[in-house]
Amino acid sequence: DLNNDQMPELVLFSSGYDGPPFPGDA
């Protein structure tokens, strides 16, 4: 619950493409 509205949000952790050069993601 990131905004204290008593409703949970989904937080997504991404790696980006799993292949060279593995540029990453947000």
PDB file of all heavy atoms in Angstrom:
ATOM      1  N   ASP A   1       0.861  -1.178   0.000  1.00  0.00           N
ATOM      2  CA  ASP A   1       0.000   0.000   0.000  1.00  0.00           C
ATOM      3  C   ASP A   1       0.900   1.232   0.000  1.00  0.00           C
ATOM      4  O   ASP A   1       1.347   1.696   1.046  1.00  0.00           O
ATOM      5  CB  ASP A   1      -0.930  -0.009   1.208  1.00  0.00           C
ATOM      6  CG  ASP A   1      -1.935   1.145   1.189  1.00  0.00           C
ATOM      7  OD1 ASP A   1      -1.943   1.922   0.213  1.00  0.00           O
ATOM      8  OD2 ASP A   1      -2.710   1.270   2.162  1.00  0.00           O
ATOM      9  N   LEU A   2       1.139   1.777  -1.185  1.00  0.00           N
ATOM     10  CA  LEU A   2       2.081   2.875  -1.337  1.00  0.00           C
ATOM     11  C   LEU A   2       1.468   4.246  -1.116  1.00  0.00           C
ATOM     12  O   LEU A   2       2.183   5.210  -0.862  1.00  0.00           O
ATOM     13  CB  LEU A   2       2.717   2.819  -2.732  1.00  0.00           C
ATOM     14  CG  LEU A   2       3.526   1.555  -3.051  1.00  0.00           C
ATOM     15  CD1 LEU A   2       3.982   1.571  -4.498  1.00  0.00           C
ATOM     16  CD2 LEU A   2       4.730   1.422  -2.126  1.00  0.00           C
ATOM     17  N   ASN A   3       0.145   4.345  -1.240  1.00  0.00           N
ATOM     18  CA  ASN A   3      -0.500   5.655  -1.099  1.00  0.00           C
ATOM     19  C   ASN A   3      -1.482   5.720   0.064  1.00  0.00           C
ATOM     20  O   ASN A   3      -2.296   6.649   0.152  1.00  0.00           O
ATOM     21  CB  ASN A   3      -1.216   6.034  -2.397  1.00  0.00           C
ATOM     22  CG  ASN A   3      -2.194   4.970  -2.869  1.00  0.00           C
ATOM     23  OD1 ASN A   3      -2.461   4.006  -2.148  1.00  0.00           O
ATOM     24  ND2 ASN A   3      -2.728   5.128  -4.077  1.00  0.00           N
ATOM     25  N   ASN A   4      -1.413   4.740   0.972  1.00  0.00           N
ATOM     26  CA  ASN A   4      -2.225   4.737   2.192  1.00  0.00           C
ATOM     27  C   ASN A   4      -3.719   4.860   1.922  1.00  0.00           C
ATOM     28  O   ASN A   4      -4.452   5.513   2.670  1.00  0.00           O
ATOM     29  CB  ASN A   4      -1.779   5.854   3.145  1.00  0.00           C
ATOM     30  CG  ASN A   4      -0.441   5.573   3.795  1.00  0.00           C
ATOM     31  OD1 ASN A   4      -0.040   4.429   3.934  1.00  0.00           O
ATOM     32  ND2 ASN A   4       0.260   6.619   4.215  1.00  0.00           N
ATOM     33  N   ASP A   5      -4.185   4.175   0.842  1.00  0.00           N
ATOM     34  CA  ASP A   5      -5.613   4.173   0.560  1.00  0.00           C
ATOM     35  C   ASP A   5      -6.265   2.860   0.954  1.00  0.00           C
ATOM     36  O   ASP A   5      -7.401   2.586   0.561  1.00  0.00           O
ATOM     37  CB  ASP A   5      -5.869   4.455  -0.918  1.00  0.00           C
ATOM     38  CG  ASP A   5      -5.319   3.360  -1.842  1.00  0.00           C
ATOM     39  OD1 ASP A   5      -4.592   2.463  -1.350  1.00  0.00           O
ATOM     40  OD2 ASP A   5      -5.619   3.410  -3.044  1.00  0.00           O
ATOM     41  N   GLN A   6      -5.568   2.069   1.737  1.00  0.00           N
ATOM     42  CA  GLN A   6      -6.052   0.783   2.215  1.00  0.00           C
ATOM     43  C   GLN A   6      -6.275  -0.203   1.071  1.00  0.00           C
ATOM     44  O   GLN A   6      -7.003  -1.184   1.212  1.00  0.00           O
ATOM     45  CB  GLN A   6      -7.345   0.940   3.032  1.00  0.00           C
ATOM     46  CG  GLN A   6      -7.281   1.991   4.135  1.00  0.00           C
ATOM     47  CD  GLN A   6      -6.125   1.736   5.098  1.00  0.00           C
ATOM     48  OE1 GLN A   6      -5.981   0.639   5.601  1.00  0.00           O
ATOM     49  NE2 GLN A   6      -5.319   2.780   5.360  1.00  0.00           N
ATOM     50  N   MET A   7      -5.631   0.041  -0.060  1.00  0.00           N
ATOM     51  CA  MET A   7      -5.729  -0.820  -1.218  1.00  0.00           C
ATOM     52  C   MET A   7      -4.313  -1.102  -1.723  1.00  0.00           C
ATOM     53  O   MET A   7      -3.586  -0.170  -2.080  1.00  0.00           O
ATOM     54  CB  MET A   7      -6.553  -0.155  -2.321  1.00  0.00           C
ATOM     55  CG  MET A   7      -6.730  -1.017  -3.545  1.00  0.00           C
ATOM     56  SD  MET A   7      -8.153  -1.929  -3.557  1.00  0.00           S
ATOM     57  CE  MET A   7      -8.295  -2.674  -5.081  1.00  0.00           C
ATOM     58  N   PRO A   8      -3.875  -2.350  -1.723  1.00  0.00           N
ATOM     59  CA  PRO A   8      -2.498  -2.622  -2.134  1.00  0.00           C
ATOM     60  C   PRO A   8      -2.270  -2.385  -3.616  1.00  0.00           C
ATOM     61  O   PRO A   8      -3.156  -2.600  -4.446  1.00  0.00           O
ATOM     62  CB  PRO A   8      -2.305  -4.109  -1.787  1.00  0.00           C
ATOM     63  CG  PRO A   8      -3.678  -4.686  -1.793  1.00  0.00           C
ATOM     64  CD  PRO A   8      -4.583  -3.584  -1.327  1.00  0.00           C
ATOM     65  N   GLU A   9      -1.067  -1.915  -3.928  1.00  0.00           N
ATOM     66  CA  GLU A   9      -0.610  -1.786  -5.302  1.00  0.00           C
ATOM     67  C   GLU A   9       0.302  -2.963  -5.645  1.00  0.00           C
ATOM     68  O   GLU A   9       0.831  -3.639  -4.758  1.00  0.00           O
ATOM     69  CB  GLU A   9       0.168  -0.482  -5.502  1.00  0.00           C
ATOM     70  CG  GLU A   9      -0.701   0.761  -5.609  1.00  0.00           C
ATOM     71  CD  GLU A   9      -1.313   1.179  -4.285  1.00  0.00           C
ATOM     72  OE1 GLU A   9      -0.572   1.334  -3.303  1.00  0.00           O
ATOM     73  OE2 GLU A   9      -2.546   1.346  -4.232  1.00  0.00           O
ATOM     74  N   LEU A  10       0.474  -3.211  -6.947  1.00  0.00           N
ATOM     75  CA  LEU A  10       1.417  -4.205  -7.427  1.00  0.00           C
ATOM     76  C   LEU A  10       2.724  -3.507  -7.773  1.00  0.00           C
ATOM     77  O   LEU A  10       2.751  -2.595  -8.596  1.00  0.00           O
ATOM     78  CB  LEU A  10       0.873  -4.922  -8.661  1.00  0.00           C
ATOM     79  CG  LEU A  10      -0.193  -5.991  -8.450  1.00  0.00           C
ATOM     80  CD1 LEU A  10      -0.851  -6.349  -9.779  1.00  0.00           C
ATOM     81  CD2 LEU A  10       0.407  -7.236  -7.833  1.00  0.00           C
ATOM     82  N   VAL A  11       3.802  -3.948  -7.138  1.00  0.00           N
ATOM     83  CA  VAL A  11       5.122  -3.409  -7.427  1.00  0.00           C
ATOM     84  C   VAL A  11       5.874  -4.451  -8.241  1.00  0.00           C
ATOM     85  O   VAL A  11       5.994  -5.609  -7.833  1.00  0.00           O
ATOM     86  CB  VAL A  11       5.896  -3.065  -6.149  1.00  0.00           C
ATOM     87  CG1 VAL A  11       7.228  -2.404  -6.492  1.00  0.00           C
ATOM     88  CG2 VAL A  11       5.060  -2.134  -5.262  1.00  0.00           C
ATOM     89  N   LEU A  12       6.384  -4.044  -9.415  1.00  0.00           N
ATOM     90  CA  LEU A  12       6.966  -4.956 -10.383  1.00  0.00           C
ATOM     91  C   LEU A  12       8.461  -4.686 -10.511  1.00  0.00           C
ATOM     92  O   LEU A  12       8.872  -3.568 -10.849  1.00  0.00           O
ATOM     93  CB  LEU A  12       6.286  -4.796 -11.741  1.00  0.00           C
ATOM     94  CG  LEU A  12       4.750  -4.745 -11.728  1.00  0.00           C
ATOM     95  CD1 LEU A  12       4.212  -4.352 -13.089  1.00  0.00           C
ATOM     96  CD2 LEU A  12       4.180  -6.081 -11.322  1.00  0.00           C
ATOM     97  N   PHE A  13       9.273  -5.711 -10.262  1.00  0.00           N
ATOM     98  CA  PHE A  13      10.724  -5.597 -10.373  1.00  0.00           C
ATOM     99  C   PHE A  13      11.157  -6.338 -11.639  1.00  0.00           C
ATOM    100  O   PHE A  13      11.016  -7.556 -11.739  1.00  0.00           O
ATOM    101  CB  PHE A  13      11.413  -6.177  -9.140  1.00  0.00           C
ATOM    102  CG  PHE A  13      11.054  -5.467  -7.857  1.00  0.00           C
ATOM    103  CD1 PHE A  13       9.989  -5.908  -7.087  1.00  0.00           C
ATOM    104  CD2 PHE A  13      11.767  -4.368  -7.439  1.00  0.00           C
ATOM    105  CE1 PHE A  13       9.642  -5.262  -5.909  1.00  0.00           C
ATOM    106  CE2 PHE A  13      11.433  -3.708  -6.258  1.00  0.00           C
ATOM    107  CZ  PHE A  13      10.367  -4.156  -5.495  1.00  0.00           C
ATOM    108  N   SER A  14      11.711  -5.614 -12.597  1.00  0.00           N
ATOM    109  CA  SER A  14      12.039  -6.163 -13.902  1.00  0.00           C
ATOM    110  C   SER A  14      13.547  -6.186 -14.140  1.00  0.00           C
ATOM    111  O   SER A  14      14.267  -5.276 -13.733  1.00  0.00           O
ATOM    112  CB  SER A  14      11.357  -5.344 -15.003  1.00  0.00           C
ATOM    113  OG  SER A  14      11.713  -5.793 -16.289  1.00  0.00           O
ATOM    114  N   SER A  15      13.997  -7.233 -14.821  1.00  0.00           N
ATOM    115  CA  SER A  15      15.409  -7.342 -15.184  1.00  0.00           C
ATOM    116  C   SER A  15      15.683  -6.864 -16.605  1.00  0.00           C
ATOM    117  O   SER A  15      16.829  -6.630 -16.971  1.00  0.00           O
ATOM    118  CB  SER A  15      15.878  -8.792 -15.047  1.00  0.00           C
ATOM    119  OG  SER A  15      15.219  -9.622 -16.005  1.00  0.00           O
ATOM    120  N   GLY A  16      14.623  -6.758 -17.417  1.00  0.00           N
ATOM    121  CA  GLY A  16      14.840  -6.471 -18.820  1.00  0.00           C
ATOM    122  C   GLY A  16      15.179  -7.745 -19.582  1.00  0.00           C
ATOM    123  O   GLY A  16      15.047  -8.860 -19.068  1.00  0.00           O
ATOM    124  N   TYR A  17      15.603  -7.600 -20.827  1.00  0.00           N
ATOM    125  CA  TYR A  17      15.925  -8.748 -21.661  1.00  0.00           C
ATOM    126  C   TYR A  17      16.981  -9.629 -21.011  1.00  0.00           C
ATOM    127  O   TYR A  17      18.017  -9.146 -20.564  1.00  0.00           O
ATOM    128  CB  TYR A  17      16.430  -8.299 -23.030  1.00  0.00           C
ATOM    129  CG  TYR A  17      15.394  -7.593 -23.862  1.00  0.00           C
ATOM    130  CD1 TYR A  17      15.672  -6.361 -24.444  1.00  0.00           C
ATOM    131  CD2 TYR A  17      14.153  -8.139 -24.074  1.00  0.00           C
ATOM    132  CE1 TYR A  17      14.734  -5.703 -25.206  1.00  0.00           C
ATOM    133  CE2 TYR A  17      13.202  -7.474 -24.840  1.00  0.00           C
ATOM    134  CZ  TYR A  17      13.492  -6.264 -25.391  1.00  0.00           C
ATOM    135  OH  TYR A  17      12.555  -5.614 -26.147  1.00  0.00           O
ATOM    136  N   ASP A  18      16.695 -10.934 -20.971  1.00  0.00           N
ATOM    137  CA  ASP A  18      17.635 -11.882 -20.396  1.00  0.00           C
ATOM    138  C   ASP A  18      18.569 -12.399 -21.488  1.00  0.00           C
ATOM    139  O   ASP A  18      18.623 -13.576 -21.813  1.00  0.00           O
ATOM    140  CB  ASP A  18      16.889 -13.037 -19.727  1.00  0.00           C
ATOM    141  CG  ASP A  18      17.792 -13.835 -18.796  1.00  0.00           C
ATOM    142  OD1 ASP A  18      18.943 -13.417 -18.590  1.00  0.00           O
ATOM    143  OD2 ASP A  18      17.358 -14.863 -18.269  1.00  0.00           O
ATOM    144  N   GLY A  19      19.283 -11.517 -22.073  1.00  0.00           N
ATOM    145  CA  GLY A  19      20.215 -11.832 -23.135  1.00  0.00           C
ATOM    146  C   GLY A  19      21.169 -10.667 -23.324  1.00  0.00           C
ATOM    147  O   GLY A  19      20.880  -9.528 -22.919  1.00  0.00           O
ATOM    148  N   PRO A  20      22.329 -10.927 -23.898  1.00  0.00           N
ATOM    149  CA  PRO A  20      23.324  -9.866 -24.088  1.00  0.00           C
ATOM    150  C   PRO A  20      22.756  -8.687 -24.856  1.00  0.00           C
ATOM    151  O   PRO A  20      21.984  -8.877 -25.801  1.00  0.00           O
ATOM    152  CB  PRO A  20      24.437 -10.563 -24.883  1.00  0.00           C
ATOM    153  CG  PRO A  20      24.228 -12.021 -24.631  1.00  0.00           C
ATOM    154  CD  PRO A  20      22.756 -12.208 -24.458  1.00  0.00           C
ATOM    155  N   PRO A  21      23.119  -7.475 -24.467  1.00  0.00           N
ATOM    156  CA  PRO A  21      24.026  -7.094 -23.375  1.00  0.00           C
ATOM    157  C   PRO A  21      23.341  -6.924 -22.022  1.00  0.00           C
ATOM    158  O   PRO A  21      23.903  -6.254 -21.172  1.00  0.00           O
ATOM    159  CB  PRO A  21      24.570  -5.763 -23.879  1.00  0.00           C
ATOM    160  CG  PRO A  21      23.408  -5.140 -24.591  1.00  0.00           C
ATOM    161  CD  PRO A  21      22.694  -6.289 -25.258  1.00  0.00           C
ATOM    162  N   PHE A  22      22.172  -7.504 -21.856  1.00  0.00           N
ATOM    163  CA  PHE A  22      21.432  -7.375 -20.594  1.00  0.00           C
ATOM    164  C   PHE A  22      21.269  -5.902 -20.218  1.00  0.00           C
ATOM    165  O   PHE A  22      21.804  -5.436 -19.226  1.00  0.00           O
ATOM    166  CB  PHE A  22      22.127  -8.136 -19.469  1.00  0.00           C
ATOM    167  CG  PHE A  22      22.400  -9.573 -19.771  1.00  0.00           C
ATOM    168  CD1 PHE A  22      23.663  -9.982 -20.181  1.00  0.00           C
ATOM    169  CD2 PHE A  22      21.405 -10.523 -19.672  1.00  0.00           C
ATOM    170  CE1 PHE A  22      23.917 -11.309 -20.466  1.00  0.00           C
ATOM    171  CE2 PHE A  22      21.650 -11.855 -19.963  1.00  0.00           C
ATOM    172  CZ  PHE A  22      22.914 -12.263 -20.364  1.00  0.00           C
ATOM    173  N   PRO A  23      20.520  -5.166 -21.011  1.00  0.00           N
ATOM    174  CA  PRO A  23      20.457  -3.702 -20.822  1.00  0.00           C
ATOM    175  C   PRO A  23      19.715  -3.244 -19.577  1.00  0.00           C
ATOM    176  O   PRO A  23      19.815  -2.077 -19.207  1.00  0.00           O
ATOM    177  CB  PRO A  23      19.734  -3.233 -22.080  1.00  0.00           C
ATOM    178  CG  PRO A  23      18.891  -4.402 -22.490  1.00  0.00           C
ATOM    179  CD  PRO A  23      19.704  -5.616 -22.143  1.00  0.00           C
ATOM    180  N   GLY A  24      18.948  -4.138 -18.935  1.00  0.00           N
ATOM    181  CA  GLY A  24      18.262  -3.766 -17.708  1.00  0.00           C
ATOM    182  C   GLY A  24      16.898  -3.141 -17.952  1.00  0.00           C
ATOM    183  O   GLY A  24      16.443  -2.964 -19.087  1.00  0.00           O
ATOM    184  N   ASP A  25      16.234  -2.788 -16.870  1.00  0.00           N
ATOM    185  CA  ASP A  25      14.878  -2.260 -16.946  1.00  0.00           C
ATOM    186  C   ASP A  25      14.596  -1.457 -15.689  1.00  0.00           C
ATOM    187  O   ASP A  25      15.459  -1.297 -14.815  1.00  0.00           O
ATOM    188  CB  ASP A  25      13.870  -3.407 -17.105  1.00  0.00           C
ATOM    189  CG  ASP A  25      12.623  -2.997 -17.887  1.00  0.00           C
ATOM    190  OD1 ASP A  25      12.359  -1.778 -17.996  1.00  0.00           O
ATOM    191  OD2 ASP A  25      11.910  -3.889 -18.363  1.00  0.00           O
ATOM    192  N   ALA A  26      13.355  -0.985 -15.573  1.00  0.00           N
ATOM    193  CA  ALA A  26      12.956  -0.136 -14.464  1.00  0.00           C
ATOM    194  C   ALA A  26      12.109  -0.915 -13.460  1.00  0.00           C
ATOM    195  O   ALA A  26      11.860  -2.106 -13.608  1.00  0.00           O
ATOM    196  CB  ALA A  26      12.183   1.070 -14.980  1.00  0.00           C
TER     197      ALA A  26
END
